[in-house]
Amino acid sequence: MHTFANTQELVDHLVVLKTTVSAESDKFFELDHGLQCAALLEKSDPSDIELQVAGLIHDLAHPWDGPGQPRHATMGADAVRTILGVTSRVACSPTQHNLMRSDATR
């Protein structure tokens, strides 16, 4: 299990995602997708910074999961829970992860 001990470890992982081909499409990198989601959420709800951060990092566990990515939401939530808080929407449950993803497409 991956767990970030501090925000620098999370930032370092985001740098890795800058050159990690997306699990969803080989036409873009994982960080590109996170930035796109964060930008869409910023446009739809500019005052909700927590939701924008959730959009940025919602797929950060793609590189750790297997084919089909069945566990990435839980793995990502577990990885950030220590530094972002147990109740944070950023460290959300898989159900909330899917709802947040649908928010990004509205």
C-alpha atoms as a PDB file:
ATOM      1  CA  MET A   1       0.000   0.000   0.000  1.00  0.00           C
ATOM      2  CA  HIS A   2       1.244   3.466  -0.883  1.00  0.00           C
ATOM      3  CA  THR A   3       0.858   6.242   1.681  1.00  0.00           C
ATOM      4  CA  PHE A   4       2.207   9.758   1.359  1.00  0.00           C
ATOM      5  CA  ALA A   5       3.918  10.867   4.574  1.00  0.00           C
ATOM      6  CA  ASN A   6       3.903  14.549   3.607  1.00  0.00           C
ATOM      7  CA  THR A   7       2.851  16.934   0.868  1.00  0.00           C
ATOM      8  CA  GLN A   8       6.301  16.861  -0.760  1.00  0.00           C
ATOM      9  CA  GLU A   9       5.882  13.138  -1.441  1.00  0.00           C
ATOM     10  CA  LEU A  10       2.523  13.889  -3.070  1.00  0.00           C
ATOM     11  CA  VAL A  11       4.055  16.658  -5.193  1.00  0.00           C
ATOM     12  CA  ASP A  12       6.908  14.325  -6.189  1.00  0.00           C
ATOM     13  CA  HIS A  13       4.331  11.755  -7.289  1.00  0.00           C
ATOM     14  CA  LEU A  14       2.502  14.380  -9.359  1.00  0.00           C
ATOM     15  CA  VAL A  15       5.814  15.100 -11.115  1.00  0.00           C
ATOM     16  CA  VAL A  16       6.072  11.402 -11.978  1.00  0.00           C
ATOM     17  CA  LEU A  17       2.503  11.511 -13.342  1.00  0.00           C
ATOM     18  CA  LYS A  18       3.656  14.255 -15.717  1.00  0.00           C
ATOM     19  CA  THR A  19       5.364  11.565 -17.794  1.00  0.00           C
ATOM     20  CA  THR A  20       3.140   8.587 -16.988  1.00  0.00           C
ATOM     21  CA  VAL A  21       0.890   7.631 -19.896  1.00  0.00           C
ATOM     22  CA  SER A  22      -2.742   7.641 -18.810  1.00  0.00           C
ATOM     23  CA  ALA A  23      -4.428   4.345 -17.980  1.00  0.00           C
ATOM     24  CA  GLU A  24      -7.504   5.697 -19.779  1.00  0.00           C
ATOM     25  CA  SER A  25      -5.868   6.790 -23.057  1.00  0.00           C
ATOM     26  CA  ASP A  26      -2.387   6.685 -24.517  1.00  0.00           C
ATOM     27  CA  LYS A  27      -3.019  10.127 -26.003  1.00  0.00           C
ATOM     28  CA  PHE A  28      -2.261  11.977 -22.755  1.00  0.00           C
ATOM     29  CA  PHE A  29      -0.436  11.685 -19.442  1.00  0.00           C
ATOM     30  CA  GLU A  30      -1.972  11.107 -16.011  1.00  0.00           C
ATOM     31  CA  LEU A  31      -1.151  14.625 -14.794  1.00  0.00           C
ATOM     32  CA  ASP A  32      -2.794  16.131 -17.905  1.00  0.00           C
ATOM     33  CA  HIS A  33      -6.065  14.442 -16.957  1.00  0.00           C
ATOM     34  CA  GLY A  34      -5.844  15.632 -13.343  1.00  0.00           C
ATOM     35  CA  LEU A  35      -5.161  19.204 -14.429  1.00  0.00           C
ATOM     36  CA  GLN A  36      -8.061  19.073 -16.887  1.00  0.00           C
ATOM     37  CA  CYS A  37     -10.440  17.861 -14.172  1.00  0.00           C
ATOM     38  CA  ALA A  38      -9.233  20.509 -11.723  1.00  0.00           C
ATOM     39  CA  ALA A  39      -9.698  23.238 -14.346  1.00  0.00           C
ATOM     40  CA  LEU A  40     -13.218  22.073 -15.203  1.00  0.00           C
ATOM     41  CA  LEU A  41     -14.139  21.965 -11.526  1.00  0.00           C
ATOM     42  CA  GLU A  42     -12.667  25.444 -10.998  1.00  0.00           C
ATOM     43  CA  LYS A  43     -14.924  26.770 -13.755  1.00  0.00           C
ATOM     44  CA  SER A  44     -18.015  25.034 -12.412  1.00  0.00           C
ATOM     45  CA  ASP A  45     -17.394  25.885  -8.743  1.00  0.00           C
ATOM     46  CA  PRO A  46     -14.612  28.474  -8.311  1.00  0.00           C
ATOM     47  CA  SER A  47     -14.982  28.701  -4.532  1.00  0.00           C
ATOM     48  CA  ASP A  48     -14.639  24.960  -3.874  1.00  0.00           C
ATOM     49  CA  ILE A  49     -10.857  24.523  -3.639  1.00  0.00           C
ATOM     50  CA  GLU A  50     -11.161  21.107  -1.982  1.00  0.00           C
ATOM     51  CA  LEU A  51     -13.133  19.779  -4.948  1.00  0.00           C
ATOM     52  CA  GLN A  52     -10.562  21.216  -7.360  1.00  0.00           C
ATOM     53  CA  VAL A  53      -7.732  19.466  -5.499  1.00  0.00           C
ATOM     54  CA  ALA A  54      -9.782  16.269  -5.587  1.00  0.00           C
ATOM     55  CA  GLY A  55     -10.048  16.671  -9.351  1.00  0.00           C
ATOM     56  CA  LEU A  56      -6.301  17.124  -9.632  1.00  0.00           C
ATOM     57  CA  ILE A  57      -5.377  13.975  -7.728  1.00  0.00           C
ATOM     58  CA  HIS A  58      -8.411  11.700  -8.176  1.00  0.00           C
ATOM     59  CA  ASP A  59      -6.539   9.238 -10.415  1.00  0.00           C
ATOM     60  CA  LEU A  60      -3.122   9.422  -8.753  1.00  0.00           C
ATOM     61  CA  ALA A  61      -3.180   5.679  -8.030  1.00  0.00           C
ATOM     62  CA  HIS A  62      -3.607   4.560 -11.650  1.00  0.00           C
ATOM     63  CA  PRO A  63       0.061   3.498 -11.889  1.00  0.00           C
ATOM     64  CA  TRP A  64      -0.331   1.267  -8.830  1.00  0.00           C
ATOM     65  CA  ASP A  65      -3.461  -0.585  -9.914  1.00  0.00           C
ATOM     66  CA  GLY A  66      -3.921  -3.425 -12.347  1.00  0.00           C
ATOM     67  CA  PRO A  67      -5.872  -3.819 -15.585  1.00  0.00           C
ATOM     68  CA  GLY A  68      -9.221  -2.058 -15.542  1.00  0.00           C
ATOM     69  CA  GLN A  69      -8.175   0.044 -12.544  1.00  0.00           C
ATOM     70  CA  PRO A  70     -10.725  -1.533 -10.134  1.00  0.00           C
ATOM     71  CA  ARG A  71      -8.988  -0.378  -6.939  1.00  0.00           C
ATOM     72  CA  HIS A  72      -7.430   2.969  -7.865  1.00  0.00           C
ATOM     73  CA  ALA A  73     -10.038   5.106  -6.071  1.00  0.00           C
ATOM     74  CA  THR A  74      -9.561   3.268  -2.781  1.00  0.00           C
ATOM     75  CA  MET A  75      -5.784   3.134  -3.209  1.00  0.00           C
ATOM     76  CA  GLY A  76      -5.616   6.879  -3.922  1.00  0.00           C
ATOM     77  CA  ALA A  77      -7.857   7.775  -0.994  1.00  0.00           C
ATOM     78  CA  ASP A  78      -5.729   5.664   1.339  1.00  0.00           C
ATOM     79  CA  ALA A  79      -2.531   7.255   0.006  1.00  0.00           C
ATOM     80  CA  VAL A  80      -3.591  10.850   0.786  1.00  0.00           C
ATOM     81  CA  ARG A  81      -5.723  10.320   3.888  1.00  0.00           C
ATOM     82  CA  THR A  82      -2.808  10.823   6.312  1.00  0.00           C
ATOM     83  CA  ILE A  83      -1.835  14.223   4.907  1.00  0.00           C
ATOM     84  CA  LEU A  84      -5.247  15.530   3.808  1.00  0.00           C
ATOM     85  CA  GLY A  85      -7.528  14.213   6.521  1.00  0.00           C
ATOM     86  CA  VAL A  86      -9.940  11.372   7.045  1.00  0.00           C
ATOM     87  CA  THR A  87     -13.053  13.404   6.280  1.00  0.00           C
ATOM     88  CA  SER A  88     -11.632  15.322   3.339  1.00  0.00           C
ATOM     89  CA  ARG A  89     -13.492  14.906   0.052  1.00  0.00           C
ATOM     90  CA  VAL A  90     -10.049  14.618  -1.489  1.00  0.00           C
ATOM     91  CA  ALA A  91      -9.517  11.374   0.426  1.00  0.00           C
ATOM     92  CA  CYS A  92     -12.938  10.156  -0.632  1.00  0.00           C
ATOM     93  CA  SER A  93     -14.565   6.781  -0.893  1.00  0.00           C
ATOM     94  CA  PRO A  94     -14.793   5.055  -4.288  1.00  0.00           C
ATOM     95  CA  THR A  95     -18.455   6.067  -4.560  1.00  0.00           C
ATOM     96  CA  GLN A  96     -17.601   9.717  -3.936  1.00  0.00           C
ATOM     97  CA  HIS A  97     -14.721   9.392  -6.415  1.00  0.00           C
ATOM     98  CA  ASN A  98     -17.143   8.452  -9.178  1.00  0.00           C
ATOM     99  CA  LEU A  99     -19.522  11.276  -8.208  1.00  0.00           C
ATOM    100  CA  MET A 100     -16.633  13.753  -8.224  1.00  0.00           C
ATOM    101  CA  ARG A 101     -15.626  12.532 -11.682  1.00  0.00           C
ATOM    102  CA  SER A 102     -19.139  13.174 -12.934  1.00  0.00           C
ATOM    103  CA  ASP A 103     -18.949  16.710 -11.447  1.00  0.00           C
ATOM    104  CA  ALA A 104     -15.930  17.368 -13.659  1.00  0.00           C
ATOM    105  CA  THR A 105     -17.890  16.610 -16.796  1.00  0.00           C
ATOM    106  CA  ARG A 106     -20.892  18.841 -16.122  1.00  0.00           C
END
